[in-house]
C-alpha atoms as a PDB file:
ATOM      1  CA  UNK A   1      -0.198  -0.170  -0.062  1.00  0.00           C
ATOM      2  CA  UNK A   2       0.768   3.665  -0.457  1.00  0.00           C
ATOM      3  CA  UNK A   3       3.638   2.853  -3.434  1.00  0.00           C
ATOM      4  CA  UNK A   4       0.833   3.139  -6.614  1.00  0.00           C
ATOM      5  CA  UNK A   5       1.837   6.419  -6.725  1.00  0.00           C
ATOM      6  CA  UNK A   6       5.936   5.797  -6.859  1.00  0.00           C
ATOM      7  CA  UNK A   7       5.412   2.773  -9.021  1.00  0.00           C
ATOM      8  CA  UNK A   8       3.093   4.733 -11.474  1.00  0.00           C
ATOM      9  CA  UNK A   9       5.910   7.494 -11.879  1.00  0.00           C
ATOM     10  CA  UNK A  10       9.038   5.362 -12.385  1.00  0.00           C
ATOM     11  CA  UNK A  11       6.989   3.253 -15.100  1.00  0.00           C
ATOM     12  CA  UNK A  12       6.182   6.758 -16.472  1.00  0.00           C
ATOM     13  CA  UNK A  13       9.698   7.579 -16.108  1.00  0.00           C
ATOM     14  CA  UNK A  14      11.535   4.854 -17.683  1.00  0.00           C
ATOM     15  CA  UNK A  15       9.141   4.954 -20.508  1.00  0.00           C
ATOM     16  CA  UNK A  16      10.553   8.247 -21.196  1.00  0.00           C
ATOM     17  CA  UNK A  17      14.087   7.303 -21.252  1.00  0.00           C
ATOM     18  CA  UNK A  18      13.102   4.621 -23.775  1.00  0.00           C
ATOM     19  CA  UNK A  19      10.940   6.932 -26.019  1.00  0.00           C
ATOM     20  CA  UNK A  20      12.095  10.367 -26.180  1.00  0.00           C
ATOM     21  CA  UNK A  21       9.819  11.240 -28.678  1.00  0.00           C
ATOM     22  CA  UNK A  22       7.164  11.407 -27.040  1.00  0.00           C
ATOM     23  CA  UNK A  23       6.277  14.757 -25.005  1.00  0.00           C
ATOM     24  CA  UNK A  24       3.628  14.241 -22.156  1.00  0.00           C
ATOM     25  CA  UNK A  25       2.888  11.401 -19.924  1.00  0.00           C
ATOM     26  CA  UNK A  26       0.050  10.908 -17.712  1.00  0.00           C
ATOM     27  CA  UNK A  27      -0.870   9.111 -14.554  1.00  0.00           C
ATOM     28  CA  UNK A  28      -3.970   8.731 -12.802  1.00  0.00           C
ATOM     29  CA  UNK A  29      -5.616   6.648 -10.084  1.00  0.00           C
ATOM     30  CA  UNK A  30      -8.510   6.457  -7.457  1.00  0.00           C
ATOM     31  CA  UNK A  31      -7.755   7.302  -4.599  1.00  0.00           C
ATOM     32  CA  UNK A  32     -11.214   6.386  -3.092  1.00  0.00           C
ATOM     33  CA  UNK A  33     -14.996   7.385  -2.196  1.00  0.00           C
ATOM     34  CA  UNK A  34     -15.608   8.589  -5.921  1.00  0.00           C
ATOM     35  CA  UNK A  35     -12.534  10.568  -6.149  1.00  0.00           C
ATOM     36  CA  UNK A  36      -9.466  10.449  -7.980  1.00  0.00           C
ATOM     37  CA  UNK A  37      -5.846  12.385  -8.885  1.00  0.00           C
ATOM     38  CA  UNK A  38      -4.172  12.877 -12.452  1.00  0.00           C
ATOM     39  CA  UNK A  39      -0.868  14.409 -13.161  1.00  0.00           C
ATOM     40  CA  UNK A  40       0.646  15.392 -16.423  1.00  0.00           C
ATOM     41  CA  UNK A  41       4.126  15.226 -17.126  1.00  0.00           C
ATOM     42  CA  UNK A  42       6.531  16.290 -19.026  1.00  0.00           C
ATOM     43  CA  UNK A  43       9.411  14.171 -20.489  1.00  0.00           C
ATOM     44  CA  UNK A  44      12.833  16.420 -19.645  1.00  0.00           C
ATOM     45  CA  UNK A  45      14.378  13.501 -22.216  1.00  0.00           C
ATOM     46  CA  UNK A  46      12.089  14.821 -24.913  1.00  0.00           C
ATOM     47  CA  UNK A  47      14.195  15.523 -28.605  1.00  0.00           C
ATOM     48  CA  UNK A  48      11.545  16.576 -30.886  1.00  0.00           C
ATOM     49  CA  UNK A  49      13.275  15.502 -34.030  1.00  0.00           C
ATOM     50  CA  UNK A  50      13.446  12.051 -32.573  1.00  0.00           C
ATOM     51  CA  UNK A  51       9.747  11.388 -34.387  1.00  0.00           C
ATOM     52  CA  UNK A  52      10.470  13.835 -37.292  1.00  0.00           C
ATOM     53  CA  UNK A  53       9.293  11.290 -40.359  1.00  0.00           C
ATOM     54  CA  UNK A  54       8.068   8.540 -38.652  1.00  0.00           C
ATOM     55  CA  UNK A  55       4.412   7.205 -38.946  1.00  0.00           C
END
């Protein structure tokens, strides 16, 4: 318990490293009683030219 947020952030950070062409990521989770939390993250490894020309 109480490690779900950290796990989500670490998984997203790994994904950012593997995919520098991705600029943003999102984490979201239920926090109970009908509420939730969402964070939009910006990739610090973003390389805008990595995805150009790819489909």
